[in-house]
Protein backbone atom coordinates (compact mmCIF):
# COMPACT_ATOMS: atom_id res chain seq x y z
CA MET A 1 125.87 103.18 98.77
CA ALA A 2 122.37 105.63 96.87
CA GLU A 3 124.11 107.38 94.34
CA SER A 4 122.77 111.25 95.28
CA LYS A 5 120.72 113.65 93.27
CA SER A 6 123.97 116.10 92.27
CA ALA A 7 125.23 113.35 90.75
CA PHE A 8 122.51 113.85 88.16
CA LYS A 9 122.01 115.71 85.27
CA SER A 10 119.04 116.21 85.41
CA PHE A 11 116.86 115.10 88.08
CA LYS A 12 113.17 115.48 88.42
CA LYS A 13 110.47 114.42 91.20
CA ILE A 14 107.33 113.27 90.09
CA ARG A 15 105.48 112.16 93.43
CA LYS A 16 106.73 110.31 96.61
CA GLY A 17 109.71 107.88 96.11
CA LEU A 18 109.18 108.28 92.57
CA ALA A 19 111.34 110.14 90.10
CA ILE A 20 113.13 110.78 86.48
CA PHE A 21 116.30 111.62 85.84
CA LYS A 22 119.34 111.98 83.36
CA ASN A 23 123.14 111.28 83.24
CA GLY A 24 126.21 111.64 81.24
CA HIS A 25 125.65 108.27 80.30
CA SER A 26 122.72 107.96 78.20
CA LYS A 27 120.45 110.18 76.16
CA PHE A 28 117.02 108.77 77.40
CA TRP A 29 115.67 109.42 80.93
CA THR A 30 115.98 106.85 83.53
CA LEU A 31 113.33 105.87 86.03
CA ARG A 32 113.71 105.39 89.76
CA LEU A 33 111.28 103.57 91.81
CA TRP A 34 111.47 103.42 95.62
CA ASP A 35 110.48 99.57 96.91
CA PRO A 36 109.56 100.11 100.42
CA LEU A 37 109.25 96.25 100.82
CA ALA A 38 112.83 95.36 99.33
CA LYS A 39 113.82 98.41 100.60
CA ARG A 40 115.75 99.30 97.87
CA TYR A 41 115.28 102.08 94.56
CA VAL A 42 114.39 99.87 91.00
CA GLN A 43 116.41 101.98 87.92
CA ARG A 44 115.40 101.98 84.73
CA SER A 45 115.53 103.14 81.10
CA THR A 46 111.95 104.80 79.69
CA LYS A 47 113.46 104.81 76.58
CA GLU A 48 112.22 108.29 75.42
CA THR A 49 114.29 111.69 75.21
CA VAL A 50 111.38 113.71 75.60
CA GLN A 51 110.28 114.26 79.60
CA LEU A 52 106.99 114.22 78.97
CA GLU A 53 107.36 110.94 77.72
CA ALA A 54 109.21 109.86 79.98
CA HIS A 55 107.37 111.03 83.52
CA LYS A 56 104.46 109.45 81.59
CA VAL A 57 106.05 106.05 81.21
CA ALA A 58 107.42 106.49 84.97
CA VAL A 59 103.89 106.66 86.35
CA GLU A 60 102.48 103.27 84.29
CA PHE A 61 106.01 101.69 85.27
CA ALA A 62 105.40 102.83 88.79
CA ASP A 63 101.18 101.95 88.41
CA ASN A 64 101.75 97.96 87.26
CA TYR A 65 105.30 97.74 89.87
CA LYS A 66 105.07 94.41 91.75
CA SER A 67 107.68 93.96 94.21
CA ALA A 68 109.33 90.32 92.98
CA GLY A 69 108.51 87.71 95.07
CA HIS A 70 105.98 89.33 97.06
CA PRO A 71 103.17 86.89 97.89
CA LEU A 72 100.06 89.39 98.77
CA HIS A 73 100.35 91.41 95.68
CA ALA A 74 98.18 90.90 92.80
CA ALA A 75 99.57 88.89 89.37
CA LYS A 76 97.94 91.57 87.61
CA LYS A 77 96.24 95.06 87.92
CA ALA A 78 92.97 93.94 87.22
CA THR A 79 92.05 91.71 90.81
CA SER A 80 94.14 94.22 92.80
CA PHE A 81 92.43 96.30 95.87
CA GLU A 82 93.16 99.28 94.06
CA HIS A 83 91.68 98.79 91.32
CA TYR A 84 87.81 97.85 92.92
CA ALA A 85 89.07 100.68 95.10
CA LYS A 86 88.53 102.75 92.41
CA GLN A 87 85.85 101.10 90.36
CA LEU A 88 83.87 102.30 94.02
CA ILE A 89 85.07 105.84 93.94
CA THR A 90 83.41 106.02 90.30
CA ILE A 91 80.81 103.92 90.63
CA GLN A 92 79.90 105.89 93.94
CA THR A 93 80.98 108.98 92.12
CA LEU A 94 78.26 109.06 89.59
CA LYS A 95 75.31 107.62 92.01
CA GLY A 96 75.93 110.83 94.01
CA GLY A 97 74.04 111.31 97.57
CA LYS A 98 75.34 108.68 99.49
CA TRP A 99 79.72 109.02 99.10
CA SER A 100 80.89 111.68 101.58
CA GLY A 101 84.62 113.38 100.29
CA GLY A 102 85.11 111.63 104.18
CA ASP A 103 85.11 108.15 102.42
CA ALA A 104 86.69 108.72 99.66
CA LYS A 105 89.72 110.22 101.59
CA LEU A 106 89.75 107.57 103.46
CA LEU A 107 91.04 105.46 100.48
CA ASN A 108 93.14 108.31 98.90
CA ARG A 109 94.85 109.83 101.65
CA SER A 110 98.44 109.14 101.21
CA GLY A 111 100.60 107.46 104.28
CA ASP A 112 98.41 105.12 106.20
CA GLY A 113 95.32 105.25 103.36
CA LEU A 114 93.80 102.28 102.17
CA ILE A 115 94.91 102.57 98.79
CA SER A 116 98.41 103.10 100.32
CA TYR A 117 98.15 100.22 102.25
CA PHE A 118 96.14 97.51 100.27
CA GLY A 119 96.55 98.67 96.71
CA LYS A 120 98.57 96.32 95.36
CA TRP A 121 97.09 93.79 97.47
CA ASP A 122 95.24 91.16 95.83
CA VAL A 123 92.08 90.89 96.98
CA SER A 124 92.33 87.50 97.18
CA LYS A 125 94.51 87.43 99.91
CA ILE A 126 92.84 89.92 102.15
CA ASN A 127 91.69 88.38 105.28
CA THR A 128 90.32 89.54 108.55
CA GLY A 129 93.65 88.76 110.39
CA SER A 130 95.45 91.60 107.26
CA VAL A 131 92.27 93.87 108.61
CA ARG A 132 93.20 93.32 111.79
CA ASP A 133 96.75 94.62 111.40
CA TYR A 134 95.69 97.62 108.88
CA LEU A 135 94.19 98.38 112.03
CA LEU A 136 96.49 98.40 114.48
CA SER A 137 99.40 100.17 111.56
CA LEU A 138 96.64 103.19 111.83
CA ASP A 139 97.57 104.07 115.84
CA VAL A 140 101.38 103.70 114.87
CA ASN A 141 102.63 107.13 113.53
CA ARG A 142 99.33 108.89 116.42
CA ASN A 143 99.69 110.11 119.64
CA LYS A 144 96.70 108.27 120.68
CA PRO A 145 94.64 105.47 118.64
CA LEU A 146 91.63 106.29 116.55
CA ALA A 147 88.45 106.36 117.56
CA GLU A 148 86.50 102.47 117.18
CA SER A 149 84.09 104.54 115.45
CA THR A 150 86.95 105.69 113.27
CA LYS A 151 88.10 102.60 112.24
CA ALA A 152 84.28 101.23 111.45
CA LYS A 153 84.26 103.57 108.91
CA HIS A 154 87.51 101.75 107.21
CA THR A 155 86.31 98.37 108.05
CA ILE A 156 82.78 99.52 105.93
CA ILE A 157 84.70 101.07 102.98
CA ILE A 158 86.81 97.88 102.75
CA ARG A 159 83.88 95.43 102.62
CA LYS A 160 82.73 97.92 100.04
CA VAL A 161 85.38 97.47 97.61
CA LEU A 162 85.56 94.09 98.48
CA THR A 163 81.95 93.68 96.79
CA LEU A 164 82.78 94.61 93.86
CA ALA A 165 85.36 91.46 93.68
CA VAL A 166 82.59 89.22 94.61
CA GLU A 167 80.46 90.67 92.31
CA ASP A 168 82.88 90.16 89.76
CA GLY A 169 83.64 86.74 90.33
CA VAL A 170 87.08 86.93 91.60
CA LEU A 171 86.74 86.46 95.57
CA ASN A 172 84.53 83.70 96.56
CA VAL A 173 83.19 85.13 100.07
CA LEU A 174 83.71 88.20 101.97
CA PRO A 175 86.39 87.97 105.03
CA VAL A 176 84.76 88.42 108.27
CA MET A 177 86.04 92.14 109.70
CA PRO A 178 87.03 92.72 113.04
CA LYS A 179 84.26 94.67 115.71
CA GLN A 180 84.89 97.96 116.97
CA LYS A 181 83.58 98.66 120.40
CA THR A 182 81.47 102.17 118.86
CA VAL A 183 80.01 104.25 121.64
CA ASP A 184 76.74 106.50 120.44
CA THR A 185 77.15 110.25 120.68
CA PRO A 186 74.20 112.13 119.68
CA ARG A 187 74.53 115.66 118.82
CA VAL A 188 72.97 118.38 120.92
CA ALA A 189 69.30 119.07 120.38
CA PHE A 190 68.01 122.43 121.73
CA THR A 191 64.86 122.17 124.03
CA ASP A 192 61.83 124.16 123.42
CA ASP A 193 62.76 127.47 125.21
CA GLU A 194 66.28 127.23 123.97
CA PHE A 195 64.53 127.56 120.36
CA GLU A 196 62.48 130.12 121.40
CA ARG A 197 65.56 132.52 123.35
CA LEU A 198 67.41 131.31 119.31
CA MET A 199 64.35 132.85 117.91
CA ARG A 200 64.33 136.36 120.14
CA ALA A 201 67.82 137.03 120.21
CA GLY A 202 67.99 136.50 116.05
CA ASP A 203 65.00 139.43 116.01
CA GLU A 204 66.93 141.59 118.05
CA CYS A 205 70.05 140.90 116.17
CA VAL A 206 67.99 142.00 112.65
CA GLN A 207 66.43 145.05 114.04
CA ARG A 208 69.73 146.51 115.68
CA GLY A 209 71.72 145.32 112.03
CA ASP A 210 74.20 143.61 114.04
CA VAL A 211 77.23 142.17 110.44
CA VAL A 212 78.89 138.79 110.71
CA ARG A 213 82.37 138.91 108.77
CA GLY A 214 80.48 142.42 106.34
CA VAL A 215 76.84 139.86 106.10
CA GLN A 216 74.11 142.14 107.53
CA ILE A 217 72.01 139.24 109.31
CA ARG A 218 68.38 139.34 107.85
CA ASN A 219 65.10 138.00 108.18
CA HIS A 220 65.69 135.52 105.42
CA HIS A 221 68.37 133.71 107.46
CA LEU A 222 65.92 133.24 111.00
CA ARG A 223 62.86 131.67 108.40
CA MET A 224 65.79 129.66 107.05
CA PHE A 225 66.90 128.11 110.43
CA ARG A 226 63.10 127.83 111.54
CA PHE A 227 62.66 126.19 108.13
CA VAL A 228 65.57 123.61 108.94
CA VAL A 229 62.63 123.16 112.33
CA TYR A 230 59.16 122.27 110.38
CA SER A 231 61.17 120.28 107.12
CA PHE A 232 63.30 118.20 109.05
CA LEU A 233 66.08 118.63 106.58
CA ARG A 234 69.80 118.35 107.05
CA PRO A 235 71.63 121.77 107.23
CA THR A 236 73.92 120.10 104.48
CA GLU A 237 75.38 120.98 101.20
CA ARG A 238 72.72 118.01 99.83
CA GLU A 239 69.40 118.75 101.70
CA LEU A 240 68.92 122.40 103.08
CA PHE A 241 71.54 124.53 100.72
CA GLY A 242 70.66 122.40 97.80
CA LEU A 243 66.73 122.90 97.93
CA LYS A 244 65.53 125.20 94.34
CA HIS A 245 62.57 126.27 93.62
CA LYS A 246 61.95 123.86 90.91
CA ASP A 247 62.31 120.75 93.96
CA ILE A 248 59.33 122.39 96.21
CA GLN A 249 55.59 121.97 95.44
CA VAL A 250 53.00 123.47 97.45
CA LYS A 251 50.59 121.01 98.55
CA GLY A 252 47.18 121.22 100.91
CA ASP A 253 44.41 119.41 102.44
CA PRO A 254 46.77 119.51 105.23
CA ALA A 255 48.65 122.26 103.65
CA HIS A 256 52.35 121.45 103.11
CA LEU A 257 55.90 121.68 100.95
CA GLU A 258 56.53 118.64 98.78
CA MET A 259 60.11 118.71 98.50
CA ASN A 260 62.56 116.79 96.56
CA VAL A 261 65.18 115.88 98.11
CA ARG A 262 68.02 115.66 94.93
CA GLY A 263 70.95 114.52 97.16
CA GLY A 264 70.31 113.22 100.53
CA LYS A 265 72.71 111.25 103.13
CA THR A 266 70.39 108.73 102.28
CA GLY A 267 69.84 108.83 98.78
CA LYS A 268 67.02 110.81 96.70
CA ARG A 269 63.99 111.20 98.50
CA THR A 270 60.46 112.76 98.05
CA SER A 271 59.85 114.81 101.27
CA VAL A 272 56.92 116.65 103.29
CA THR A 273 57.15 119.75 105.27
CA MET A 274 55.04 120.41 108.86
CA PRO A 275 52.50 123.40 107.23
CA ILE A 276 53.71 126.09 108.76
CA ALA A 277 56.96 125.60 106.90
CA VAL A 278 54.31 126.95 103.86
CA PRO A 279 54.54 130.89 104.66
CA LEU A 280 57.98 130.74 105.85
CA TYR A 281 58.54 129.49 102.09
CA GLN A 282 56.37 131.57 100.73
CA GLY A 283 57.65 134.54 102.31
CA MET A 284 60.11 135.76 100.96
CA SER A 285 58.34 135.54 96.77
CA ASN A 286 57.47 138.68 95.42
CA PRO A 287 53.95 138.85 95.61
CA PHE A 288 54.29 141.52 92.78
CA ASP A 289 56.12 139.20 90.79
CA LYS A 290 53.79 136.82 87.76
CA ASN A 291 56.37 134.66 86.94
CA GLY A 292 57.41 133.56 90.40
CA PRO A 293 61.37 132.82 91.19
CA ASP A 294 63.60 131.83 89.49
CA LYS A 295 63.11 128.22 89.41
CA ASN A 296 66.94 127.35 89.08
CA ALA A 297 67.50 129.49 91.93
CA TYR A 298 68.53 128.00 95.26
CA VAL A 299 66.01 128.61 97.95
CA TRP A 300 68.18 129.66 100.66
CA MET A 301 70.79 132.28 100.55
CA PRO A 302 71.14 132.39 96.55
CA GLU A 303 73.14 135.05 96.73
CA TYR A 304 76.05 132.35 97.15
CA GLU A 305 76.42 130.52 93.83
CA ASN A 306 79.19 128.70 96.49
CA ARG A 307 77.24 126.61 98.50
CA THR A 308 79.99 125.66 100.65
CA THR A 309 80.59 129.47 101.32
CA ALA A 310 76.78 129.89 101.97
CA ILE A 311 76.95 126.90 104.78
CA ASN A 312 80.29 128.53 106.53
CA THR A 313 77.94 132.85 106.51
CA ALA A 314 75.50 130.72 108.06
CA ARG A 315 76.88 128.82 110.32
CA ARG A 316 78.38 132.11 111.47
CA ILE A 317 75.62 133.98 111.96
CA PHE A 318 73.85 130.56 113.45
CA ASN A 319 76.90 131.14 116.33
CA HIS A 320 76.51 134.53 116.24
CA ILE A 321 73.02 134.44 117.26
CA LEU A 322 73.65 131.99 119.72
CA GLU A 323 75.57 133.68 121.86
CA ALA A 324 73.50 136.63 121.59
CA ALA A 325 70.98 134.53 122.84
CA GLY A 326 73.76 133.45 125.89
CA LEU A 327 73.34 129.77 124.70
CA LYS A 328 76.96 129.52 123.53
CA ASP A 329 78.19 126.70 126.23
CA ASP A 330 81.09 124.34 125.80
CA ASP A 331 79.42 121.87 127.59
CA HIS A 332 75.83 121.88 126.04
CA LYS A 333 77.40 122.54 122.45
CA LEU A 334 74.18 123.68 119.55
CA SER A 335 74.70 123.59 116.32
CA PRO A 336 72.84 123.91 112.98
CA TYR A 337 72.28 120.62 112.92
CA SER A 338 70.80 120.84 116.66
CA LEU A 339 67.47 122.64 114.93
CA ARG A 340 66.92 118.83 113.11
CA HIS A 341 67.13 116.82 116.26
CA TYR A 342 65.00 119.48 118.37
CA ALA A 343 62.59 119.05 114.80
CA LEU A 344 62.57 115.34 115.28
CA GLN A 345 62.23 115.34 118.83
CA LYS A 346 59.43 118.28 118.45
CA ARG A 347 57.23 116.22 115.92
CA TYR A 348 56.97 113.20 118.46
CA ARG A 349 56.56 114.59 121.53
CA ASP A 350 53.90 117.08 119.59
CA SER A 351 51.73 114.21 117.99
CA LYS A 352 52.16 112.59 121.98
CA GLY A 353 53.69 109.53 120.74
CA LYS A 354 50.89 108.70 117.78
CA VAL A 355 53.33 109.75 114.95
CA ASP A 356 54.11 106.87 113.09
CA ILE A 357 58.22 106.62 113.69
CA TYR A 358 58.52 104.44 110.30
CA ILE A 359 56.94 107.21 108.54
CA LEU A 360 59.09 110.09 110.07
CA ALA A 361 61.77 108.38 110.03
CA GLU A 362 61.77 108.01 106.17
CA ASN A 363 60.23 111.03 105.79
CA ALA A 364 63.39 113.00 107.59
CA GLY A 365 65.67 110.75 105.14
CA THR A 366 66.94 108.45 107.89
CA SER A 367 65.80 104.94 109.63
CA VAL A 368 64.32 104.21 112.79
CA ASP A 369 67.66 103.19 114.15
CA GLN A 370 69.26 105.65 113.66
CA LEU A 371 65.69 108.12 114.80
CA GLU A 372 66.03 105.77 118.52
CA ARG A 373 69.83 105.72 118.72
CA PHE A 374 70.52 109.43 117.99
CA TYR A 375 67.65 111.55 117.37
CA LEU A 376 65.06 110.62 120.44
CA LYS A 377 68.08 108.96 122.54
CA THR A 378 68.30 112.47 124.60
CA MET A 379 64.49 112.96 124.31
CA GLY A 380 63.75 114.66 128.03
CA ILE A 381 60.71 113.19 129.87
CA THR A 382 57.11 114.32 129.22
CA PRO A 383 54.36 114.40 130.67
CA ASP A 384 53.13 111.82 128.48
CA VAL A 385 55.50 109.05 129.29
CA ILE A 386 54.76 109.91 132.71
CA ARG A 387 50.83 109.50 132.08
CA THR A 388 51.42 106.38 130.06
CA LEU A 389 54.24 104.37 132.04
CA GLN A 390 51.93 105.51 135.87
CA THR A 391 48.84 104.05 133.70
CA ARG A 392 46.72 101.73 135.74
CA GLY A 393 44.46 98.55 133.71
CA ASP A 394 41.25 98.26 133.95
């Protein structure tokens, strides 16, 4: 029978399954670690009388602890899944742009995260079957199974971690990842009529002086929503809301803005806009300011240094205008991201299919595959498409 906490002279919990305590028999702190494989507590003297030092010893012991005789655990930490998982986090964080907080959460989530499950495993012991077992375990404590697309994200992260082990020569070859059935669910895009209604409603909101959560809707916000359509930027922290004046150059022949997108979803890129984006951008500048705007200031909603706050505020304003336009529909959910989808569809339609799809994809920071599967998939039939289908040969 386990000794109760009340029997300890001092008991300090460090994290789930790990604590240090003192009893009346020793001047040293003792660590207590729960071994989930052996289903028992492991106790060791820290040989420390100072609580802070005992805390450090306990954490180090827990991080390096290997359940006795477990055949899947790494003999040394340098060959463990956790070692390479943390290495991946460091590498991707330094790179920026391609790494999302959601990916890091898949690794670090307590309970059923990748490190929690595979952390102590030797990377050479991870195979297709063990990955499949992990994916099945994700559904055990849920009312309904995880979406296949979410499970696919887990396998992508596992593959990235194990790739580092291959590069180090610890692993000879990557195991085959179990395939997940995925169904593409493209976001809803605006139609020409819906976008016009949104802009008209926005103008009316500005004229009335509508206020959303203490923020008055201004022309600045409407220009920002229009700018997405003519710049193809994602309305995210690293693209639209990360854009600073120093990242933009006004160019001619034909008129356009050249933007340095520093942390897009697909990494750093140079992107160009449609001509109308030039007056949208220049319209915010003070014509009497000879020095121009502060180069280090954000272009859109610069009053918010915290860009998450800027994004949340913009979304609330967008939803207010959307409702004013009568475009709120649970079966046709339009969002700020719908503006980007509309932008790419509009560009393809307006070109009558002549725009180079490879150049369009590269400029928008996506791939031809993604463009076809998500952005252009929901595009309606155009007169040009009908004429092409009905064309007769000479």
